[in-house]
Amino acid sequence: FYDVLSAGMDANMPASEYAKLVIEADDGVQATVLDKGGNAYFEYVKEMDGEQYRYFVYAYRGSGAYYLLQFCCNDIEADFYREAFEQIEKSVEIK
């Protein structure tokens, strides 16, 4: 949690609070943080080179750091990839 403490943030905050800080740090991103069993999750859409991309973001609080797992795909294909991303996320173990 060294980086978190160095930035003047609380190293005891839950993953959901960390996710909110990540959203605030990315200009123009509007998302709602949802609880996923103690971890946090949010989605947002961002335009890049005239295309809309959807980001699926999971935030975790480990024993010594916070972690982000991000997936991205063309927004048109988001429904197709959503289940695959969720299955991959379920395999992640943070200690």
PDB file of N, CA and C in Angstrom:
ATOM      1  N   PHE A   1       0.811  -1.198   0.000  1.00  0.00           N
ATOM      2  CA  PHE A   1       0.000   0.000   0.000  1.00  0.00           C
ATOM      3  C   PHE A   1       0.856   1.265   0.000  1.00  0.00           C
ATOM      4  N   TYR A   2       2.142   1.120  -0.291  1.00  0.00           N
ATOM      5  CA  TYR A   2       3.057   2.263  -0.247  1.00  0.00           C
ATOM      6  C   TYR A   2       2.578   3.407  -1.137  1.00  0.00           C
ATOM      7  N   ASP A   3       2.215   3.095  -2.385  1.00  0.00           N
ATOM      8  CA  ASP A   3       1.783   4.152  -3.316  1.00  0.00           C
ATOM      9  C   ASP A   3       0.507   4.839  -2.838  1.00  0.00           C
ATOM     10  N   VAL A   4      -0.384   4.061  -2.268  1.00  0.00           N
ATOM     11  CA  VAL A   4      -1.638   4.620  -1.762  1.00  0.00           C
ATOM     12  C   VAL A   4      -1.352   5.573  -0.609  1.00  0.00           C
ATOM     13  N   LEU A   5      -0.514   5.145   0.299  1.00  0.00           N
ATOM     14  CA  LEU A   5      -0.159   5.990   1.441  1.00  0.00           C
ATOM     15  C   LEU A   5       0.617   7.225   0.989  1.00  0.00           C
ATOM     16  N   SER A   6       1.518   7.058   0.014  1.00  0.00           N
ATOM     17  CA  SER A   6       2.305   8.190  -0.498  1.00  0.00           C
ATOM     18  C   SER A   6       1.418   9.258  -1.115  1.00  0.00           C
ATOM     19  N   ALA A   7       0.296   8.832  -1.672  1.00  0.00           N
ATOM     20  CA  ALA A   7      -0.636   9.781  -2.284  1.00  0.00           C
ATOM     21  C   ALA A   7      -1.593  10.384  -1.263  1.00  0.00           C
ATOM     22  N   GLY A   8      -1.420  10.025   0.014  1.00  0.00           N
ATOM     23  CA  GLY A   8      -2.254  10.589   1.068  1.00  0.00           C
ATOM     24  C   GLY A   8      -3.612   9.921   1.193  1.00  0.00           C
ATOM     25  N   MET A   9      -3.744   8.726   0.640  1.00  0.00           N
ATOM     26  CA  MET A   9      -5.016   8.001   0.715  1.00  0.00           C
ATOM     27  C   MET A   9      -4.987   6.977   1.849  1.00  0.00           C
ATOM     28  N   ASP A  10      -6.127   6.507   2.209  1.00  0.00           N
ATOM     29  CA  ASP A  10      -6.293   5.541   3.287  1.00  0.00           C
ATOM     30  C   ASP A  10      -6.074   4.120   2.760  1.00  0.00           C
ATOM     31  N   ALA A  11      -5.063   3.444   3.255  1.00  0.00           N
ATOM     32  CA  ALA A  11      -4.769   2.076   2.816  1.00  0.00           C
ATOM     33  C   ALA A  11      -5.793   1.067   3.324  1.00  0.00           C
ATOM     34  N   ASN A  12      -6.702   1.496   4.186  1.00  0.00           N
ATOM     35  CA  ASN A  12      -7.735   0.590   4.698  1.00  0.00           C
ATOM     36  C   ASN A  12      -9.056   0.715   3.950  1.00  0.00           C
ATOM     37  N   MET A  13      -9.094   1.556   2.933  1.00  0.00           N
ATOM     38  CA  MET A  13     -10.358   1.733   2.211  1.00  0.00           C
ATOM     39  C   MET A  13     -10.698   0.445   1.450  1.00  0.00           C
ATOM     40  N   PRO A  14     -11.986   0.170   1.294  1.00  0.00           N
ATOM     41  CA  PRO A  14     -12.395  -1.024   0.545  1.00  0.00           C
ATOM     42  C   PRO A  14     -12.132  -0.842  -0.949  1.00  0.00           C
ATOM     43  N   ALA A  15     -12.182  -1.932  -1.673  1.00  0.00           N
ATOM     44  CA  ALA A  15     -11.957  -1.910  -3.124  1.00  0.00           C
ATOM     45  C   ALA A  15     -12.918  -0.957  -3.826  1.00  0.00           C
ATOM     46  N   SER A  16     -14.133  -0.821  -3.321  1.00  0.00           N
ATOM     47  CA  SER A  16     -15.108   0.067  -3.954  1.00  0.00           C
ATOM     48  C   SER A  16     -14.661   1.524  -3.902  1.00  0.00           C
ATOM     49  N   GLU A  17     -14.047   1.930  -2.800  1.00  0.00           N
ATOM     50  CA  GLU A  17     -13.541   3.309  -2.687  1.00  0.00           C
ATOM     51  C   GLU A  17     -12.349   3.514  -3.616  1.00  0.00           C
ATOM     52  N   TYR A  18     -11.492   2.515  -3.709  1.00  0.00           N
ATOM     53  CA  TYR A  18     -10.363   2.601  -4.628  1.00  0.00           C
ATOM     54  C   TYR A  18     -10.872   2.735  -6.071  1.00  0.00           C
ATOM     55  N   ALA A  19     -11.890   1.963  -6.416  1.00  0.00           N
ATOM     56  CA  ALA A  19     -12.470   2.036  -7.765  1.00  0.00           C
ATOM     57  C   ALA A  19     -13.013   3.433  -8.048  1.00  0.00           C
ATOM     58  N   LYS A  20     -13.645   4.049  -7.068  1.00  0.00           N
ATOM     59  CA  LYS A  20     -14.161   5.417  -7.252  1.00  0.00           C
ATOM     60  C   LYS A  20     -13.022   6.399  -7.523  1.00  0.00           C
ATOM     61  N   LEU A  21     -11.889   6.211  -6.856  1.00  0.00           N
ATOM     62  CA  LEU A  21     -10.739   7.072  -7.096  1.00  0.00           C
ATOM     63  C   LEU A  21     -10.182   6.873  -8.504  1.00  0.00           C
ATOM     64  N   VAL A  22     -10.196   5.641  -8.977  1.00  0.00           N
ATOM     65  CA  VAL A  22      -9.744   5.350 -10.338  1.00  0.00           C
ATOM     66  C   VAL A  22     -10.641   6.069 -11.344  1.00  0.00           C
ATOM     67  N   ILE A  23     -11.936   6.028 -11.122  1.00  0.00           N
ATOM     68  CA  ILE A  23     -12.886   6.706 -12.012  1.00  0.00           C
ATOM     69  C   ILE A  23     -12.636   8.212 -12.002  1.00  0.00           C
ATOM     70  N   GLU A  24     -12.471   8.782 -10.819  1.00  0.00           N
ATOM     71  CA  GLU A  24     -12.233  10.224 -10.707  1.00  0.00           C
ATOM     72  C   GLU A  24     -10.950  10.646 -11.408  1.00  0.00           C
ATOM     73  N   ALA A  25      -9.950   9.776 -11.407  1.00  0.00           N
ATOM     74  CA  ALA A  25      -8.652  10.112 -12.002  1.00  0.00           C
ATOM     75  C   ALA A  25      -8.681  10.085 -13.533  1.00  0.00           C
ATOM     76  N   ASP A  26      -9.676   9.444 -14.097  1.00  0.00           N
ATOM     77  CA  ASP A  26      -9.768   9.338 -15.564  1.00  0.00           C
ATOM     78  C   ASP A  26     -10.799  10.339 -16.063  1.00  0.00           C
ATOM     79  N   ASP A  27     -10.334  11.457 -16.568  1.00  0.00           N
ATOM     80  CA  ASP A  27     -11.220  12.526 -17.026  1.00  0.00           C
ATOM     81  C   ASP A  27     -12.277  12.007 -18.000  1.00  0.00           C
ATOM     82  N   GLY A  28     -13.494  12.417 -17.770  1.00  0.00           N
ATOM     83  CA  GLY A  28     -14.582  12.091 -18.687  1.00  0.00           C
ATOM     84  C   GLY A  28     -15.254  10.757 -18.449  1.00  0.00           C
ATOM     85  N   VAL A  29     -14.720   9.953 -17.555  1.00  0.00           N
ATOM     86  CA  VAL A  29     -15.335   8.643 -17.294  1.00  0.00           C
ATOM     87  C   VAL A  29     -16.469   8.818 -16.297  1.00  0.00           C
ATOM     88  N   GLN A  30     -17.618   8.285 -16.654  1.00  0.00           N
ATOM     89  CA  GLN A  30     -18.759   8.267 -15.754  1.00  0.00           C
ATOM     90  C   GLN A  30     -19.173   6.816 -15.573  1.00  0.00           C
ATOM     91  N   ALA A  31     -19.134   6.357 -14.338  1.00  0.00           N
ATOM     92  CA  ALA A  31     -19.471   4.961 -14.054  1.00  0.00           C
ATOM     93  C   ALA A  31     -19.970   4.848 -12.629  1.00  0.00           C
ATOM     94  N   THR A  32     -20.725   3.812 -12.394  1.00  0.00           N
ATOM     95  CA  THR A  32     -21.217   3.489 -11.059  1.00  0.00           C
ATOM     96  C   THR A  32     -20.508   2.239 -10.583  1.00  0.00           C
ATOM     97  N   VAL A  33     -19.957   2.300  -9.388  1.00  0.00           N
ATOM     98  CA  VAL A  33     -19.242   1.164  -8.815  1.00  0.00           C
ATOM     99  C   VAL A  33     -20.241   0.224  -8.158  1.00  0.00           C
ATOM    100  N   LEU A  34     -20.145  -1.047  -8.512  1.00  0.00           N
ATOM    101  CA  LEU A  34     -20.993  -2.079  -7.943  1.00  0.00           C
ATOM    102  C   LEU A  34     -20.154  -3.019  -7.091  1.00  0.00           C
ATOM    103  N   ASP A  35     -20.750  -3.582  -6.056  1.00  0.00           N
ATOM    104  CA  ASP A  35     -20.060  -4.555  -5.214  1.00  0.00           C
ATOM    105  C   ASP A  35     -20.160  -5.938  -5.850  1.00  0.00           C
ATOM    106  N   LYS A  36     -19.042  -6.621  -5.926  1.00  0.00           N
ATOM    107  CA  LYS A  36     -18.983  -7.985  -6.449  1.00  0.00           C
ATOM    108  C   LYS A  36     -18.332  -8.871  -5.396  1.00  0.00           C
ATOM    109  N   GLY A  37     -19.065  -9.165  -4.342  1.00  0.00           N
ATOM    110  CA  GLY A  37     -18.542 -10.047  -3.296  1.00  0.00           C
ATOM    111  C   GLY A  37     -17.325  -9.504  -2.570  1.00  0.00           C
ATOM    112  N   GLY A  38     -17.345  -8.229  -2.227  1.00  0.00           N
ATOM    113  CA  GLY A  38     -16.218  -7.614  -1.535  1.00  0.00           C
ATOM    114  C   GLY A  38     -15.248  -6.930  -2.478  1.00  0.00           C
ATOM    115  N   ASN A  39     -15.315  -7.269  -3.741  1.00  0.00           N
ATOM    116  CA  ASN A  39     -14.535  -6.581  -4.762  1.00  0.00           C
ATOM    117  C   ASN A  39     -15.446  -5.562  -5.428  1.00  0.00           C
ATOM    118  N   ALA A  40     -14.891  -4.780  -6.313  1.00  0.00           N
ATOM    119  CA  ALA A  40     -15.679  -3.739  -6.965  1.00  0.00           C
ATOM    120  C   ALA A  40     -15.653  -3.939  -8.474  1.00  0.00           C
ATOM    121  N   TYR A  41     -16.685  -3.420  -9.126  1.00  0.00           N
ATOM    122  CA  TYR A  41     -16.820  -3.571 -10.570  1.00  0.00           C
ATOM    123  C   TYR A  41     -17.462  -2.323 -11.150  1.00  0.00           C
ATOM    124  N   PHE A  42     -16.978  -1.908 -12.308  1.00  0.00           N
ATOM    125  CA  PHE A  42     -17.653  -0.836 -13.035  1.00  0.00           C
ATOM    126  C   PHE A  42     -17.368  -0.982 -14.522  1.00  0.00           C
ATOM    127  N   GLU A  43     -18.242  -0.383 -15.300  1.00  0.00           N
ATOM    128  CA  GLU A  43     -18.112  -0.356 -16.755  1.00  0.00           C
ATOM    129  C   GLU A  43     -18.197   1.088 -17.212  1.00  0.00           C
ATOM    130  N   TYR A  44     -17.551   1.347 -18.338  1.00  0.00           N
ATOM    131  CA  TYR A  44     -17.719   2.657 -18.962  1.00  0.00           C
ATOM    132  C   TYR A  44     -17.414   2.539 -20.451  1.00  0.00           C
ATOM    133  N   VAL A  45     -17.899   3.510 -21.198  1.00  0.00           N
ATOM    134  CA  VAL A  45     -17.672   3.564 -22.642  1.00  0.00           C
ATOM    135  C   VAL A  45     -16.838   4.798 -22.941  1.00  0.00           C
ATOM    136  N   LYS A  46     -15.861   4.636 -23.813  1.00  0.00           N
ATOM    137  CA  LYS A  46     -14.984   5.740 -24.185  1.00  0.00           C
ATOM    138  C   LYS A  46     -14.735   5.684 -25.691  1.00  0.00           C
ATOM    139  N   GLU A  47     -14.716   6.856 -26.297  1.00  0.00           N
ATOM    140  CA  GLU A  47     -14.467   6.922 -27.738  1.00  0.00           C
ATOM    141  C   GLU A  47     -12.975   7.034 -28.008  1.00  0.00           C
ATOM    142  N   MET A  48     -12.540   6.274 -29.017  1.00  0.00           N
ATOM    143  CA  MET A  48     -11.152   6.326 -29.430  1.00  0.00           C
ATOM    144  C   MET A  48     -11.102   6.163 -30.943  1.00  0.00           C
ATOM    145  N   ASP A  49     -10.532   7.110 -31.630  1.00  0.00           N
ATOM    146  CA  ASP A  49     -10.429   7.075 -33.095  1.00  0.00           C
ATOM    147  C   ASP A  49     -11.783   6.863 -33.771  1.00  0.00           C
ATOM    148  N   GLY A  50     -12.814   7.516 -33.239  1.00  0.00           N
ATOM    149  CA  GLY A  50     -14.136   7.441 -33.840  1.00  0.00           C
ATOM    150  C   GLY A  50     -14.916   6.178 -33.514  1.00  0.00           C
ATOM    151  N   GLU A  51     -14.361   5.300 -32.712  1.00  0.00           N
ATOM    152  CA  GLU A  51     -15.031   4.047 -32.312  1.00  0.00           C
ATOM    153  C   GLU A  51     -15.374   4.120 -30.826  1.00  0.00           C
ATOM    154  N   GLN A  52     -16.462   3.474 -30.436  1.00  0.00           N
ATOM    155  CA  GLN A  52     -16.866   3.386 -29.035  1.00  0.00           C
ATOM    156  C   GLN A  52     -16.340   2.066 -28.455  1.00  0.00           C
ATOM    157  N   TYR A  53     -15.626   2.158 -27.345  1.00  0.00           N
ATOM    158  CA  TYR A  53     -15.097   0.974 -26.674  1.00  0.00           C
ATOM    159  C   TYR A  53     -15.676   0.883 -25.273  1.00  0.00           C
ATOM    160  N   ARG A  54     -16.023  -0.321 -24.875  1.00  0.00           N
ATOM    161  CA  ARG A  54     -16.547  -0.557 -23.526  1.00  0.00           C
ATOM    162  C   ARG A  54     -15.456  -1.205 -22.688  1.00  0.00           C
ATOM    163  N   TYR A  55     -15.271  -0.662 -21.500  1.00  0.00           N
ATOM    164  CA  TYR A  55     -14.290  -1.171 -20.545  1.00  0.00           C
ATOM    165  C   TYR A  55     -15.031  -1.846 -19.398  1.00  0.00           C
ATOM    166  N   PHE A  56     -14.555  -2.999 -19.019  1.00  0.00           N
ATOM    167  CA  PHE A  56     -15.071  -3.761 -17.888  1.00  0.00           C
ATOM    168  C   PHE A  56     -13.939  -3.779 -16.860  1.00  0.00           C
ATOM    169  N   VAL A  57     -14.164  -3.208 -15.686  1.00  0.00           N
ATOM    170  CA  VAL A  57     -13.081  -3.031 -14.725  1.00  0.00           C
ATOM    171  C   VAL A  57     -13.453  -3.655 -13.379  1.00  0.00           C
ATOM    172  N   TYR A  58     -12.550  -4.469 -12.864  1.00  0.00           N
ATOM    173  CA  TYR A  58     -12.700  -5.096 -11.560  1.00  0.00           C
ATOM    174  C   TYR A  58     -11.598  -4.569 -10.663  1.00  0.00           C
ATOM    175  N   ALA A  59     -11.929  -4.184  -9.445  1.00  0.00           N
ATOM    176  CA  ALA A  59     -10.950  -3.689  -8.479  1.00  0.00           C
ATOM    177  C   ALA A  59     -10.926  -4.622  -7.273  1.00  0.00           C
ATOM    178  N   TYR A  60      -9.723  -4.902  -6.806  1.00  0.00           N
ATOM    179  CA  TYR A  60      -9.524  -5.819  -5.686  1.00  0.00           C
ATOM    180  C   TYR A  60      -8.630  -5.164  -4.646  1.00  0.00           C
ATOM    181  N   ARG A  61      -8.839  -5.546  -3.405  1.00  0.00           N
ATOM    182  CA  ARG A  61      -7.941  -5.136  -2.328  1.00  0.00           C
ATOM    183  C   ARG A  61      -7.238  -6.391  -1.856  1.00  0.00           C
ATOM    184  N   GLY A  62      -5.923  -6.442  -2.049  1.00  0.00           N
ATOM    185  CA  GLY A  62      -5.132  -7.578  -1.596  1.00  0.00           C
ATOM    186  C   GLY A  62      -4.564  -7.310  -0.221  1.00  0.00           C
ATOM    187  N   SER A  63      -3.680  -8.168   0.218  1.00  0.00           N
ATOM    188  CA  SER A  63      -3.099  -7.995   1.554  1.00  0.00           C
ATOM    189  C   SER A  63      -2.076  -6.861   1.604  1.00  0.00           C
ATOM    190  N   GLY A  64      -1.561  -6.443   0.435  1.00  0.00           N
ATOM    191  CA  GLY A  64      -0.581  -5.375   0.452  1.00  0.00           C
ATOM    192  C   GLY A  64      -0.722  -4.350  -0.656  1.00  0.00           C
ATOM    193  N   ALA A  65      -1.770  -4.489  -1.464  1.00  0.00           N
ATOM    194  CA  ALA A  65      -1.942  -3.563  -2.581  1.00  0.00           C
ATOM    195  C   ALA A  65      -3.358  -3.664  -3.135  1.00  0.00           C
ATOM    196  N   TYR A  66      -3.688  -2.684  -3.973  1.00  0.00           N
ATOM    197  CA  TYR A  66      -4.938  -2.728  -4.732  1.00  0.00           C
ATOM    198  C   TYR A  66      -4.594  -3.180  -6.145  1.00  0.00           C
ATOM    199  N   TYR A  67      -5.521  -3.874  -6.779  1.00  0.00           N
ATOM    200  CA  TYR A  67      -5.305  -4.400  -8.123  1.00  0.00           C
ATOM    201  C   TYR A  67      -6.492  -4.069  -9.008  1.00  0.00           C
ATOM    202  N   LEU A  68      -6.212  -3.841 -10.285  1.00  0.00           N
ATOM    203  CA  LEU A  68      -7.256  -3.641 -11.285  1.00  0.00           C
ATOM    204  C   LEU A  68      -7.116  -4.703 -12.365  1.00  0.00           C
ATOM    205  N   LEU A  69      -8.235  -5.252 -12.776  1.00  0.00           N
ATOM    206  CA  LEU A  69      -8.303  -6.151 -13.922  1.00  0.00           C
ATOM    207  C   LEU A  69      -9.244  -5.483 -14.906  1.00  0.00           C
ATOM    208  N   GLN A  70      -8.738  -5.191 -16.109  1.00  0.00           N
ATOM    209  CA  GLN A  70      -9.544  -4.474 -17.091  1.00  0.00           C
ATOM    210  C   GLN A  70      -9.651  -5.262 -18.384  1.00  0.00           C
ATOM    211  N   PHE A  71     -10.838  -5.252 -18.939  1.00  0.00           N
ATOM    212  CA  PHE A  71     -11.094  -5.820 -20.252  1.00  0.00           C
ATOM    213  C   PHE A  71     -11.661  -4.700 -21.113  1.00  0.00           C
ATOM    214  N   CYS A  72     -11.424  -4.783 -22.403  1.00  0.00           N
ATOM    215  CA  CYS A  72     -11.923  -3.771 -23.319  1.00  0.00           C
ATOM    216  C   CYS A  72     -12.308  -4.437 -24.633  1.00  0.00           C
ATOM    217  N   CYS A  73     -13.404  -3.970 -25.219  1.00  0.00           N
ATOM    218  CA  CYS A  73     -13.815  -4.450 -26.531  1.00  0.00           C
ATOM    219  C   CYS A  73     -14.642  -3.360 -27.204  1.00  0.00           C
ATOM    220  N   ASN A  74     -14.856  -3.513 -28.491  1.00  0.00           N
ATOM    221  CA  ASN A  74     -15.718  -2.594 -29.205  1.00  0.00           C
ATOM    222  C   ASN A  74     -17.086  -2.643 -28.545  1.00  0.00           C
ATOM    223  N   ASP A  75     -17.691  -1.500 -28.323  1.00  0.00           N
ATOM    224  CA  ASP A  75     -18.969  -1.447 -27.606  1.00  0.00           C
ATOM    225  C   ASP A  75     -20.048  -2.289 -28.286  1.00  0.00           C
ATOM    226  N   ILE A  76     -19.994  -2.383 -29.583  1.00  0.00           N
ATOM    227  CA  ILE A  76     -20.979  -3.182 -30.325  1.00  0.00           C
ATOM    228  C   ILE A  76     -20.897  -4.656 -29.932  1.00  0.00           C
ATOM    229  N   GLU A  77     -19.699  -5.113 -29.539  1.00  0.00           N
ATOM    230  CA  GLU A  77     -19.474  -6.521 -29.197  1.00  0.00           C
ATOM    231  C   GLU A  77     -19.537  -6.795 -27.692  1.00  0.00           C
ATOM    232  N   ALA A  78     -19.880  -5.798 -26.893  1.00  0.00           N
ATOM    233  CA  ALA A  78     -19.826  -5.927 -25.431  1.00  0.00           C
ATOM    234  C   ALA A  78     -20.679  -7.074 -24.905  1.00  0.00           C
ATOM    235  N   ASP A  79     -21.887  -7.210 -25.399  1.00  0.00           N
ATOM    236  CA  ASP A  79     -22.754  -8.293 -24.908  1.00  0.00           C
ATOM    237  C   ASP A  79     -22.177  -9.663 -25.244  1.00  0.00           C
ATOM    238  N   PHE A  80     -21.506  -9.756 -26.380  1.00  0.00           N
ATOM    239  CA  PHE A  80     -20.900 -11.023 -26.789  1.00  0.00           C
ATOM    240  C   PHE A  80     -19.769 -11.426 -25.840  1.00  0.00           C
ATOM    241  N   TYR A  81     -18.936 -10.458 -25.424  1.00  0.00           N
ATOM    242  CA  TYR A  81     -17.767 -10.751 -24.599  1.00  0.00           C
ATOM    243  C   TYR A  81     -18.021 -10.722 -23.100  1.00  0.00           C
ATOM    244  N   ARG A  82     -19.111 -10.113 -22.670  1.00  0.00           N
ATOM    245  CA  ARG A  82     -19.367  -9.927 -21.237  1.00  0.00           C
ATOM    246  C   ARG A  82     -19.242 -11.230 -20.438  1.00  0.00           C
ATOM    247  N   GLU A  83     -19.887 -12.282 -20.864  1.00  0.00           N
ATOM    248  CA  GLU A  83     -19.858 -13.544 -20.112  1.00  0.00           C
ATOM    249  C   GLU A  83     -18.443 -14.121 -20.047  1.00  0.00           C
ATOM    250  N   ALA A  84     -17.711 -14.038 -21.145  1.00  0.00           N
ATOM    251  CA  ALA A  84     -16.328 -14.541 -21.147  1.00  0.00           C
ATOM    252  C   ALA A  84     -15.475 -13.749 -20.161  1.00  0.00           C
ATOM    253  N   PHE A  85     -15.626 -12.441 -20.143  1.00  0.00           N
ATOM    254  CA  PHE A  85     -14.866 -11.614 -19.206  1.00  0.00           C
ATOM    255  C   PHE A  85     -15.226 -11.973 -17.765  1.00  0.00           C
ATOM    256  N   GLU A  86     -16.500 -12.197 -17.496  1.00  0.00           N
ATOM    257  CA  GLU A  86     -16.931 -12.556 -16.140  1.00  0.00           C
ATOM    258  C   GLU A  86     -16.342 -13.901 -15.719  1.00  0.00           C
ATOM    259  N   GLN A  87     -16.275 -14.846 -16.636  1.00  0.00           N
ATOM    260  CA  GLN A  87     -15.698 -16.160 -16.316  1.00  0.00           C
ATOM    261  C   GLN A  87     -14.205 -16.034 -16.017  1.00  0.00           C
ATOM    262  N   ILE A  88     -13.508 -15.233 -16.780  1.00  0.00           N
ATOM    263  CA  ILE A  88     -12.080 -15.025 -16.523  1.00  0.00           C
ATOM    264  C   ILE A  88     -11.899 -14.363 -15.166  1.00  0.00           C
ATOM    265  N   GLU A  89     -12.722 -13.356 -14.885  1.00  0.00           N
ATOM    266  CA  GLU A  89     -12.608 -12.646 -13.604  1.00  0.00           C
ATOM    267  C   GLU A  89     -12.807 -13.591 -12.429  1.00  0.00           C
ATOM    268  N   LYS A  90     -13.692 -14.540 -12.554  1.00  0.00           N
ATOM    269  CA  LYS A  90     -13.950 -15.486 -11.457  1.00  0.00           C
ATOM    270  C   LYS A  90     -12.726 -16.357 -11.149  1.00  0.00           C
ATOM    271  N   SER A  91     -11.805 -16.473 -12.096  1.00  0.00           N
ATOM    272  CA  SER A  91     -10.632 -17.311 -11.882  1.00  0.00           C
ATOM    273  C   SER A  91      -9.486 -16.565 -11.182  1.00  0.00           C
ATOM    274  N   VAL A  92      -9.656 -15.266 -10.998  1.00  0.00           N
ATOM    275  CA  VAL A  92      -8.596 -14.446 -10.391  1.00  0.00           C
ATOM    276  C   VAL A  92      -8.564 -14.660  -8.886  1.00  0.00           C
ATOM    277  N   GLU A  93      -7.354 -14.868  -8.350  1.00  0.00           N
ATOM    278  CA  GLU A  93      -7.164 -15.000  -6.908  1.00  0.00           C
ATOM    279  C   GLU A  93      -6.210 -13.913  -6.453  1.00  0.00           C
ATOM    280  N   ILE A  94      -6.672 -13.080  -5.548  1.00  0.00           N
ATOM    281  CA  ILE A  94      -5.847 -12.020  -4.970  1.00  0.00           C
ATOM    282  C   ILE A  94      -5.574 -12.376  -3.524  1.00  0.00           C
ATOM    283  N   LYS A  95      -4.334 -12.296  -3.147  1.00  0.00           N
ATOM    284  CA  LYS A  95      -3.968 -12.645  -1.759  1.00  0.00           C
ATOM    285  C   LYS A  95      -3.385 -11.460  -1.055  1.00  0.00           C
TER     286      LYS A  95
END
